[in-house]
Amino acid sequence: MKKFAILILCGLFILPNFSFAGFDSDKFSLGGELITSVVSVNSDDYENIEYSSQLRLGMEVKSDNNMVFGGQLYGYKYMGELDQTFDKTNFDTLRLERLHFKWWNILDSNFNYSIGRRPFFYGQAMVVSNDGIYSGTPYRTPSDFNVDGATIGYFLEPLTDIKGMNVRLCYGLGIEEEWGNGTRATDKNLEGAKLAGISFDLYHDDKTLILASFFRAHDINDGFNGTSAFPTQYATLFAQDTEKFPTFNFATRYVPTTTIGDIILIDLNVSHEFESGFVLFGSIAMTQLRPNGKAGMFGGMGSDAVFQVTLSEDGSEIIMSPAYSENNDHQEGYGVYVGMQIPAPMGKFGLEYNYGSKYWTPINRIQDDVLGNKLATRGHVGEAYYILNVSQAASIKIGAIYYDYEYSGSGSPVGKPKKISDIEDGAEYSLLPVVDTAWDAYAKIILTF
């Protein structure tokens, strides 16, 4: 059994220009479509030093007939955190990160099969930048998330004589619509989110990996179940005399309300390690949003919502409800991710850069970066780090990440991406806070045993 743990000792992150835009209700027309107007933008700098610890417990059991069972538990704890409102960083709960069965060379054929909670995350780039402690099928750029499903593959190397060539057909469930966190939380009849596609190892040996993939995520919803703090600016909509309780807030849930469309994800990835230990890797990927015209409160797929405005039955209140998506065109986005790692005294030095365009919409929610998955950024991100190898089982990683966001909505398919500068200037609006630039300096002690 193999176990490993990660302890993050310290991380300093700063969010300059944390902005919020509001609406002027005088611009709403009764019985018609919503007309929006920005009336104010608040901008603040925010910084914090956080301490946290991560734990991963892995196991793997093999049999003589090419069958393998693998599992992995995951825990992430912010020191001093006492609430349970986060997805990945949830108090002191251990989560089931992996649980899958694999069968290689089925009945002495070239077929292989796997089913369960798949390692559909932490690909080759994470292996390089985190001292080899992660593993997974994809490259992390367009897809990095937990998925329950199955793959069936075929080893092509015996037929093509190309090292490591392998093709896999994949299918997974993102959300089960009738059980667990499905429609029991809402009266909406939603479809379950599904993922299907193909992953193709064009070449794979100990030093080189060339991998391409094509996936389609079906029936994406406009949100996911979860707890959040309702903005105090809107507290008067639900309670009177809120000025008497300035420190009170609402813990609320926004559950999915409708299915907004599909997402296509395509990527090509290359990595190579030279004899000197110098490593280069790169990935280019494309996402295509395919909206179906529906929208929830925060918008449709890659588009804002058009609201219908009516009066309540007694005529005392204005009621707004999303009617449809403002734009139903397909929208393409692209992402680029490149990096290098060179041998350095007592360790390794690495540089990474990634860029996402306006409609870049990967599905990579799994990463536990403090400021969100950097590869989901619609804009520029640079990272530098140094890994000091203390022993075979321990290393220290020190680094910094700088984020320069160009468009809103990074990591989310819901809503129209808008220039951060336009939101700050008041030319555009945002129902949710947006970040202009940010940086994160961190230090980690990594132990494997």
Protein backbone atom coordinates (compact mmCIF):
# COMPACT_ATOMS: atom_id res chain seq x y z
CA MET A 1 0.00 0.00 0.00
CA LYS A 2 1.30 3.44 -0.93
CA LYS A 3 0.40 6.51 1.09
CA PHE A 4 1.40 10.12 0.67
CA ALA A 5 0.63 13.39 2.36
CA ILE A 6 1.07 17.04 1.49
CA LEU A 7 1.42 19.74 4.12
CA ILE A 8 1.08 23.34 2.96
CA LEU A 9 2.78 25.44 5.58
CA CYS A 10 2.02 28.90 4.32
CA GLY A 11 0.42 30.73 1.43
CA LEU A 12 0.05 34.48 0.93
CA PHE A 13 -2.46 35.61 -1.63
CA ILE A 14 -3.53 39.10 -2.68
CA LEU A 15 -6.55 40.06 -4.78
CA PRO A 16 -6.26 43.63 -6.06
CA ASN A 17 -9.36 45.23 -7.59
CA PHE A 18 -11.98 42.85 -6.24
CA SER A 19 -14.96 44.47 -7.96
CA PHE A 20 -18.73 44.26 -7.82
CA ALA A 21 -21.35 45.87 -10.07
CA GLY A 22 -25.00 46.47 -9.23
CA PHE A 23 -28.28 47.22 -11.04
CA ASP A 24 -30.59 50.20 -11.03
CA SER A 25 -34.15 48.91 -10.60
CA ASP A 26 -35.53 52.04 -12.25
CA LYS A 27 -34.38 50.63 -15.57
CA PHE A 28 -36.69 47.60 -15.39
CA SER A 29 -39.81 47.72 -17.58
CA LEU A 30 -42.86 45.95 -16.21
CA GLY A 31 -44.14 43.06 -18.29
CA GLY A 32 -41.26 43.37 -20.72
CA GLU A 33 -37.64 42.38 -21.00
CA LEU A 34 -34.98 43.31 -18.53
CA ILE A 35 -33.00 46.46 -19.31
CA THR A 36 -29.86 46.70 -17.23
CA SER A 37 -27.77 49.62 -16.14
CA VAL A 38 -24.73 49.74 -13.90
CA VAL A 39 -24.95 52.24 -11.09
CA SER A 40 -21.93 51.49 -8.93
CA VAL A 41 -18.69 49.55 -8.81
CA ASN A 42 -16.81 48.88 -5.60
CA SER A 43 -13.12 48.03 -5.85
CA ASP A 44 -10.98 46.75 -2.99
CA ASP A 45 -7.66 45.07 -2.37
CA TYR A 46 -7.79 41.89 -0.31
CA GLU A 47 -4.94 39.90 1.17
CA ASN A 48 -4.53 37.03 3.58
CA ILE A 49 -2.01 34.50 4.85
CA GLU A 50 -3.52 31.04 5.08
CA TYR A 51 -2.18 27.80 6.51
CA SER A 52 -3.50 24.45 5.40
CA SER A 53 -2.75 20.75 5.23
CA GLN A 54 -3.60 18.08 2.69
CA LEU A 55 -3.64 14.34 3.06
CA ARG A 56 -3.93 11.61 0.45
CA LEU A 57 -4.10 7.93 1.35
CA GLY A 58 -3.75 5.62 -1.62
CA MET A 59 -3.86 1.88 -2.07
CA GLU A 60 -3.51 -0.55 -4.95
CA VAL A 61 -4.06 -4.29 -5.08
CA LYS A 62 -3.00 -6.42 -8.06
CA SER A 63 -3.89 -9.96 -9.00
CA ASP A 64 -2.09 -12.44 -11.24
CA ASN A 65 -4.62 -12.10 -14.07
CA ASN A 66 -3.93 -8.42 -14.83
CA MET A 67 -6.65 -7.07 -12.55
CA VAL A 68 -6.02 -4.04 -10.38
CA PHE A 69 -8.08 -2.36 -7.68
CA GLY A 70 -7.12 1.20 -6.73
CA GLY A 71 -8.49 3.68 -4.23
CA GLN A 72 -7.54 7.03 -2.75
CA LEU A 73 -8.90 9.17 0.08
CA TYR A 74 -8.38 12.91 0.18
CA GLY A 75 -8.54 15.48 2.96
CA TYR A 76 -7.89 19.22 2.86
CA LYS A 77 -8.05 21.41 5.97
CA TYR A 78 -7.54 25.15 6.30
CA MET A 79 -6.14 25.79 9.75
CA GLY A 80 -8.72 27.71 11.75
CA GLU A 81 -11.55 26.90 9.35
CA LEU A 82 -14.73 26.06 11.23
CA ASP A 83 -17.43 26.07 8.55
CA GLN A 84 -18.38 23.52 5.92
CA THR A 85 -19.17 25.70 2.92
CA PHE A 86 -16.38 24.62 0.58
CA ASP A 87 -16.37 21.85 -1.98
CA LYS A 88 -12.75 20.67 -1.92
CA THR A 89 -11.69 22.28 1.37
CA ASN A 90 -14.45 20.91 3.56
CA PHE A 91 -13.54 21.11 7.25
CA ASP A 92 -12.03 17.78 8.34
CA THR A 93 -13.93 15.46 5.99
CA LEU A 94 -12.13 12.70 4.12
CA ARG A 95 -13.44 12.41 0.56
CA LEU A 96 -13.34 9.48 -1.82
CA GLU A 97 -11.10 10.77 -4.59
CA ARG A 98 -10.56 7.50 -6.47
CA LEU A 99 -12.11 4.04 -6.42
CA HIS A 100 -11.71 2.03 -9.60
CA PHE A 101 -11.18 -1.43 -11.00
CA LYS A 102 -8.85 -2.02 -13.97
CA TRP A 103 -8.40 -5.11 -16.12
CA TRP A 104 -5.45 -5.12 -18.51
CA ASN A 105 -4.94 -7.42 -21.51
CA ILE A 106 -8.37 -8.97 -21.09
CA LEU A 107 -8.22 -12.70 -21.86
CA ASP A 108 -4.77 -12.24 -23.40
CA SER A 109 -6.06 -9.63 -25.85
CA ASN A 110 -5.03 -6.01 -26.35
CA PHE A 111 -8.22 -4.73 -24.70
CA ASN A 112 -8.26 -3.04 -21.30
CA TYR A 113 -11.17 -1.92 -19.17
CA SER A 114 -11.72 0.27 -16.13
CA ILE A 115 -14.77 1.33 -14.13
CA GLY A 116 -15.40 3.39 -11.00
CA ARG A 117 -14.36 6.80 -9.71
CA ARG A 118 -11.78 7.49 -12.35
CA PRO A 119 -8.39 9.25 -12.04
CA PHE A 120 -9.53 11.77 -14.65
CA PHE A 121 -7.32 14.52 -13.28
CA TYR A 122 -3.77 15.35 -12.21
CA GLY A 123 -2.18 14.59 -15.55
CA GLN A 124 1.42 14.74 -16.71
CA ALA A 125 1.89 18.46 -16.00
CA MET A 126 1.02 17.90 -12.33
CA VAL A 127 3.51 15.03 -12.17
CA VAL A 128 6.25 17.40 -13.35
CA SER A 129 5.43 20.40 -11.16
CA ASN A 130 4.63 18.47 -7.97
CA ASP A 131 7.66 16.18 -7.82
CA GLY A 132 5.96 13.12 -9.22
CA ILE A 133 3.28 12.55 -6.57
CA TYR A 134 0.24 12.82 -8.87
CA SER A 135 -0.94 10.64 -11.69
CA GLY A 136 -3.86 10.59 -14.09
CA THR A 137 -4.93 10.10 -17.67
CA PRO A 138 -5.47 13.59 -19.12
CA TYR A 139 -3.12 16.54 -19.31
CA ARG A 140 -5.12 18.81 -16.98
CA THR A 141 -5.69 21.62 -19.49
CA PRO A 142 -9.30 21.07 -20.67
CA SER A 143 -10.40 18.50 -18.09
CA ASP A 144 -9.42 18.13 -14.46
CA PHE A 145 -12.25 16.84 -12.29
CA ASN A 146 -13.71 13.83 -10.52
CA VAL A 147 -15.83 11.64 -12.76
CA ASP A 148 -17.60 8.35 -12.10
CA GLY A 149 -17.60 6.23 -15.23
CA ALA A 150 -15.87 3.63 -17.36
CA THR A 151 -13.28 3.35 -20.12
CA ILE A 152 -12.53 0.62 -22.61
CA GLY A 153 -9.22 0.78 -24.42
CA TYR A 154 -7.12 -1.04 -26.96
CA PHE A 155 -3.31 -1.21 -27.07
CA LEU A 156 -2.26 -0.37 -30.62
CA GLU A 157 1.48 -0.77 -30.12
CA PRO A 158 1.55 -4.44 -31.25
CA LEU A 159 -0.19 -3.42 -34.49
CA THR A 160 1.58 -0.13 -35.24
CA ASP A 161 4.96 -0.75 -33.59
CA ILE A 162 4.65 2.76 -32.10
CA LYS A 163 5.72 2.86 -28.47
CA GLY A 164 2.83 3.09 -26.00
CA MET A 165 0.13 3.80 -28.58
CA ASN A 166 -3.25 3.29 -26.95
CA VAL A 167 -6.82 4.43 -27.59
CA ARG A 168 -9.55 4.68 -24.94
CA LEU A 169 -13.29 5.30 -25.19
CA CYS A 170 -14.64 6.99 -22.07
CA TYR A 171 -18.05 7.61 -20.54
CA GLY A 172 -18.88 9.21 -17.22
CA LEU A 173 -21.62 10.75 -15.08
CA GLY A 174 -21.11 14.27 -13.81
CA ILE A 175 -24.45 14.59 -11.99
CA GLU A 176 -27.03 11.88 -11.35
CA GLU A 177 -30.41 13.58 -11.84
CA GLU A 178 -32.57 11.31 -9.66
CA TRP A 179 -30.40 10.41 -6.69
CA GLY A 180 -28.07 12.03 -4.16
CA ASN A 181 -27.65 15.70 -5.08
CA GLY A 182 -30.03 15.46 -8.03
CA THR A 183 -33.54 16.84 -8.44
CA ARG A 184 -34.57 16.11 -4.88
CA ALA A 185 -33.24 19.60 -4.06
CA THR A 186 -35.42 21.36 -6.65
CA ASP A 187 -38.76 20.96 -8.41
CA LYS A 188 -37.07 21.23 -11.82
CA ASN A 189 -36.90 18.16 -14.05
CA LEU A 190 -33.24 18.20 -15.06
CA GLU A 191 -31.16 15.82 -17.11
CA GLY A 192 -28.05 14.30 -15.57
CA ALA A 193 -24.75 15.76 -16.79
CA LYS A 194 -22.73 13.20 -18.78
CA LEU A 195 -19.31 13.05 -20.43
CA ALA A 196 -18.24 10.92 -23.40
CA GLY A 197 -15.19 10.94 -25.64
CA ILE A 198 -11.92 9.45 -26.78
CA SER A 199 -8.38 9.69 -25.44
CA PHE A 200 -5.51 8.75 -27.73
CA ASP A 201 -1.90 8.12 -26.63
CA LEU A 202 -0.06 8.76 -29.89
CA TYR A 203 3.30 7.98 -28.30
CA HIS A 204 4.22 7.15 -24.72
CA ASP A 205 7.44 5.94 -23.13
CA ASP A 206 9.44 6.79 -20.01
CA LYS A 207 10.59 10.15 -21.42
CA THR A 208 7.97 11.29 -23.94
CA LEU A 209 4.20 11.61 -24.02
CA ILE A 210 2.07 12.75 -26.96
CA LEU A 211 -1.62 12.64 -26.13
CA ALA A 212 -4.76 13.92 -27.85
CA SER A 213 -8.35 13.82 -26.69
CA PHE A 214 -11.85 14.75 -27.77
CA PHE A 215 -14.73 14.92 -25.29
CA ARG A 216 -18.28 16.19 -25.19
CA ALA A 217 -19.98 17.13 -21.94
CA HIS A 218 -23.75 16.72 -22.33
CA ASP A 219 -26.57 18.48 -20.48
CA ILE A 220 -24.60 21.00 -18.47
CA ASN A 221 -26.69 22.66 -15.76
CA ASP A 222 -26.69 26.33 -14.80
CA GLY A 223 -25.31 25.63 -11.34
CA PHE A 224 -24.45 23.01 -8.75
CA ASN A 225 -25.78 22.39 -5.28
CA GLY A 226 -23.77 24.16 -2.64
CA THR A 227 -23.88 26.60 0.25
CA SER A 228 -22.89 30.22 -0.13
CA ALA A 229 -23.15 33.51 1.74
CA PHE A 230 -25.81 35.79 0.29
CA PRO A 231 -24.49 39.36 -0.32
CA THR A 232 -25.50 41.73 2.46
CA GLN A 233 -26.35 44.37 -0.17
CA TYR A 234 -29.43 42.32 -1.08
CA ALA A 235 -30.43 41.35 2.45
CA THR A 236 -33.27 43.91 2.46
CA LEU A 237 -35.04 41.84 -0.19
CA PHE A 238 -35.66 39.17 2.44
CA ALA A 239 -35.64 40.94 5.80
CA GLN A 240 -36.51 44.34 7.21
CA ASP A 241 -34.38 46.59 9.44
CA THR A 242 -31.15 44.83 8.45
CA GLU A 243 -29.14 47.85 9.60
CA LYS A 244 -29.82 46.67 13.16
CA PHE A 245 -27.86 43.48 12.42
CA PRO A 246 -24.88 44.57 10.25
CA THR A 247 -22.87 41.39 10.87
CA PHE A 248 -25.67 38.96 9.99
CA ASN A 249 -25.79 37.17 6.65
CA PHE A 250 -27.83 34.51 4.90
CA ALA A 251 -26.49 31.01 4.33
CA THR A 252 -28.27 29.97 1.16
CA ARG A 253 -28.16 27.45 -1.68
CA TYR A 254 -28.42 28.01 -5.39
CA VAL A 255 -29.45 24.72 -6.98
CA PRO A 256 -29.52 24.01 -10.73
CA THR A 257 -32.67 25.27 -12.42
CA THR A 258 -32.24 24.25 -16.06
CA THR A 259 -30.01 22.49 -18.58
CA ILE A 260 -28.18 25.11 -20.66
CA GLY A 261 -26.29 23.08 -23.31
CA ASP A 262 -23.20 21.03 -24.14
CA ILE A 263 -19.44 21.67 -24.16
CA ILE A 264 -16.90 20.25 -26.64
CA LEU A 265 -13.32 19.83 -25.33
CA ILE A 266 -10.36 19.10 -27.66
CA ASP A 267 -6.67 19.10 -26.75
CA LEU A 268 -3.19 18.06 -27.91
CA ASN A 269 -0.41 17.60 -25.36
CA VAL A 270 3.32 16.95 -25.56
CA SER A 271 5.96 16.47 -22.86
CA HIS A 272 9.57 15.29 -23.00
CA GLU A 273 12.31 14.75 -20.44
CA PHE A 274 15.89 15.00 -21.73
CA GLU A 275 18.77 12.90 -20.44
CA SER A 276 20.02 15.90 -18.47
CA GLY A 277 16.76 16.01 -16.51
CA PHE A 278 15.49 19.09 -18.38
CA VAL A 279 11.71 18.79 -18.96
CA LEU A 280 9.54 20.61 -21.49
CA PHE A 281 5.77 20.30 -21.82
CA GLY A 282 3.02 22.07 -23.68
CA SER A 283 -0.67 21.82 -24.41
CA ILE A 284 -3.07 23.57 -26.73
CA ALA A 285 -6.79 23.07 -26.32
CA MET A 286 -10.12 24.31 -27.59
CA THR A 287 -13.55 24.43 -26.00
CA GLN A 288 -16.80 25.06 -27.82
CA LEU A 289 -19.96 26.14 -26.01
CA ARG A 290 -23.19 24.82 -27.55
CA PRO A 291 -26.09 26.56 -25.78
CA ASN A 292 -29.66 25.35 -26.08
CA GLY A 293 -31.31 28.73 -25.50
CA LYS A 294 -32.26 28.21 -21.84
CA ALA A 295 -30.98 30.29 -18.94
CA GLY A 296 -31.04 30.47 -15.15
CA MET A 297 -30.68 33.48 -12.89
CA PHE A 298 -26.98 33.92 -13.65
CA GLY A 299 -27.36 33.36 -17.40
CA GLY A 300 -27.26 30.76 -20.10
CA MET A 301 -24.24 29.01 -21.58
CA GLY A 302 -21.76 31.73 -22.44
CA SER A 303 -24.55 34.29 -22.48
CA ASP A 304 -26.56 36.52 -20.19
CA ALA A 305 -30.20 35.81 -19.45
CA VAL A 306 -33.12 37.85 -20.71
CA PHE A 307 -35.53 38.39 -17.83
CA GLN A 308 -39.28 38.75 -17.92
CA VAL A 309 -40.51 41.34 -15.44
CA THR A 310 -44.02 41.18 -13.96
CA LEU A 311 -45.89 42.36 -10.90
CA SER A 312 -46.82 40.10 -7.99
CA GLU A 313 -50.48 39.16 -7.56
CA ASP A 314 -51.12 42.00 -5.11
CA GLY A 315 -49.17 44.44 -7.27
CA SER A 316 -46.73 45.33 -4.50
CA GLU A 317 -43.54 43.70 -5.86
CA ILE A 318 -41.59 43.42 -9.07
CA ILE A 319 -40.76 39.80 -9.92
CA MET A 320 -38.00 38.95 -12.36
CA SER A 321 -37.48 35.50 -13.83
CA PRO A 322 -35.02 34.35 -16.52
CA ALA A 323 -36.88 33.64 -19.75
CA TYR A 324 -34.19 32.60 -22.21
CA SER A 325 -30.54 33.03 -23.19
CA GLU A 326 -29.53 36.30 -24.81
CA ASN A 327 -27.35 34.59 -27.44
CA ASN A 328 -27.51 31.00 -28.71
CA ASP A 329 -24.48 31.03 -31.02
CA HIS A 330 -21.71 28.47 -30.63
CA GLN A 331 -18.69 30.12 -28.97
CA GLU A 332 -15.14 28.83 -29.32
CA GLY A 333 -12.39 29.45 -26.82
CA TYR A 334 -8.81 28.25 -26.62
CA GLY A 335 -6.23 27.67 -23.94
CA VAL A 336 -2.44 27.34 -24.04
CA TYR A 337 -0.31 25.83 -21.28
CA VAL A 338 3.51 25.55 -21.47
CA GLY A 339 6.19 24.87 -18.93
CA MET A 340 9.77 23.85 -18.30
CA GLN A 341 11.72 22.36 -15.45
CA ILE A 342 15.50 22.34 -15.15
CA PRO A 343 17.83 20.62 -12.66
CA ALA A 344 19.05 23.00 -9.97
CA PRO A 345 21.26 22.67 -6.88
CA MET A 346 19.61 20.12 -4.58
CA GLY A 347 16.44 20.16 -6.63
CA LYS A 348 14.57 21.60 -9.60
CA PHE A 349 13.48 25.00 -10.88
CA GLY A 350 10.31 25.41 -12.94
CA LEU A 351 8.51 28.04 -14.99
CA GLU A 352 4.92 27.77 -16.29
CA TYR A 353 2.60 29.99 -18.31
CA ASN A 354 -0.99 29.59 -19.41
CA TYR A 355 -3.49 31.73 -21.28
CA GLY A 356 -7.23 31.43 -21.81
CA SER A 357 -9.29 33.39 -24.33
CA LYS A 358 -12.67 35.07 -23.81
CA TYR A 359 -14.80 31.92 -24.17
CA TRP A 360 -12.21 29.47 -22.80
CA THR A 361 -14.33 27.11 -20.67
CA PRO A 362 -12.52 23.98 -19.48
CA ILE A 363 -14.04 21.61 -16.95
CA ASN A 364 -11.27 21.56 -14.37
CA ARG A 365 -12.78 22.19 -10.95
CA ILE A 366 -10.74 19.59 -9.10
CA GLN A 367 -7.55 21.57 -8.50
CA ASP A 368 -7.24 23.03 -5.01
CA ASP A 369 -5.34 26.23 -5.79
CA VAL A 370 -6.30 28.92 -3.26
CA LEU A 371 -7.51 31.27 -6.01
CA GLY A 372 -9.10 28.59 -8.17
CA ASN A 373 -7.66 26.43 -10.91
CA LYS A 374 -5.17 28.64 -12.72
CA LEU A 375 -5.79 26.80 -16.02
CA ALA A 376 -9.41 27.98 -16.02
CA THR A 377 -8.29 31.64 -16.15
CA ARG A 378 -9.59 33.79 -18.97
CA GLY A 379 -6.40 35.78 -19.20
CA HIS A 380 -2.71 35.30 -18.38
CA VAL A 381 -1.08 33.32 -15.56
CA GLY A 382 2.62 32.90 -14.79
CA GLU A 383 4.17 30.66 -12.16
CA ALA A 384 7.72 30.10 -10.91
CA TYR A 385 8.78 27.55 -8.31
CA TYR A 386 11.76 25.80 -6.77
CA ILE A 387 11.63 22.23 -5.45
CA LEU A 388 14.27 21.42 -2.84
CA ASN A 389 14.74 17.65 -2.51
CA VAL A 390 15.46 17.07 1.18
CA SER A 391 15.43 13.27 0.87
CA GLN A 392 13.84 10.55 -1.22
CA ALA A 393 10.64 10.94 0.77
CA ALA A 394 10.56 14.68 1.44
CA SER A 395 10.79 17.89 -0.53
CA ILE A 396 10.09 21.58 -0.06
CA LYS A 397 8.39 23.60 -2.79
CA ILE A 398 8.49 27.41 -2.82
CA GLY A 399 6.80 29.38 -5.58
CA ALA A 400 4.51 32.17 -6.69
CA ILE A 401 1.62 32.51 -9.15
CA TYR A 402 0.47 35.74 -10.78
CA TYR A 403 -3.02 36.01 -12.32
CA ASP A 404 -4.05 38.70 -14.81
CA TYR A 405 -7.74 38.20 -15.62
CA GLU A 406 -9.00 39.68 -18.89
CA TYR A 407 -12.60 38.44 -18.79
CA SER A 408 -15.12 37.52 -16.11
CA GLY A 409 -16.50 34.04 -15.47
CA SER A 410 -13.26 32.05 -15.39
CA GLY A 411 -14.06 28.38 -14.83
CA SER A 412 -17.81 28.72 -15.37
CA PRO A 413 -19.92 28.08 -18.49
CA VAL A 414 -22.72 30.28 -17.10
CA GLY A 415 -23.03 33.90 -18.20
CA LYS A 416 -21.45 36.11 -20.83
CA PRO A 417 -17.71 36.77 -20.39
CA LYS A 418 -17.06 40.49 -20.05
CA LYS A 419 -13.89 42.52 -19.98
CA ILE A 420 -12.77 43.16 -16.43
CA SER A 421 -11.82 46.73 -17.39
CA ASP A 422 -15.36 47.36 -18.71
CA ILE A 423 -16.87 46.15 -15.43
CA GLU A 424 -14.52 48.37 -13.45
CA ASP A 425 -15.35 51.36 -15.66
CA GLY A 426 -19.08 50.75 -15.30
CA ALA A 427 -19.62 49.97 -18.99
CA GLU A 428 -20.63 46.37 -18.15
CA TYR A 429 -22.28 44.70 -15.18
CA SER A 430 -21.65 41.58 -13.15
CA LEU A 431 -23.99 39.90 -10.67
CA LEU A 432 -20.96 38.31 -9.02
CA PRO A 433 -17.68 39.84 -7.81
CA VAL A 434 -14.80 39.78 -10.31
CA VAL A 435 -11.03 39.86 -9.86
CA ASP A 436 -8.66 41.96 -11.97
CA THR A 437 -5.21 40.78 -10.87
CA ALA A 438 -4.01 38.52 -8.07
CA TRP A 439 -0.91 36.77 -6.86
CA ASP A 440 -0.25 33.82 -4.59
CA ALA A 441 3.09 33.09 -2.92
CA TYR A 442 3.33 29.69 -1.26
CA ALA A 443 5.62 27.30 0.58
CA LYS A 444 4.93 23.58 0.90
CA ILE A 445 6.48 20.61 2.61
CA ILE A 446 5.69 17.42 0.69
CA LEU A 447 6.09 14.01 2.35
CA THR A 448 5.58 10.66 0.63
CA PHE A 449 5.73 7.36 2.42
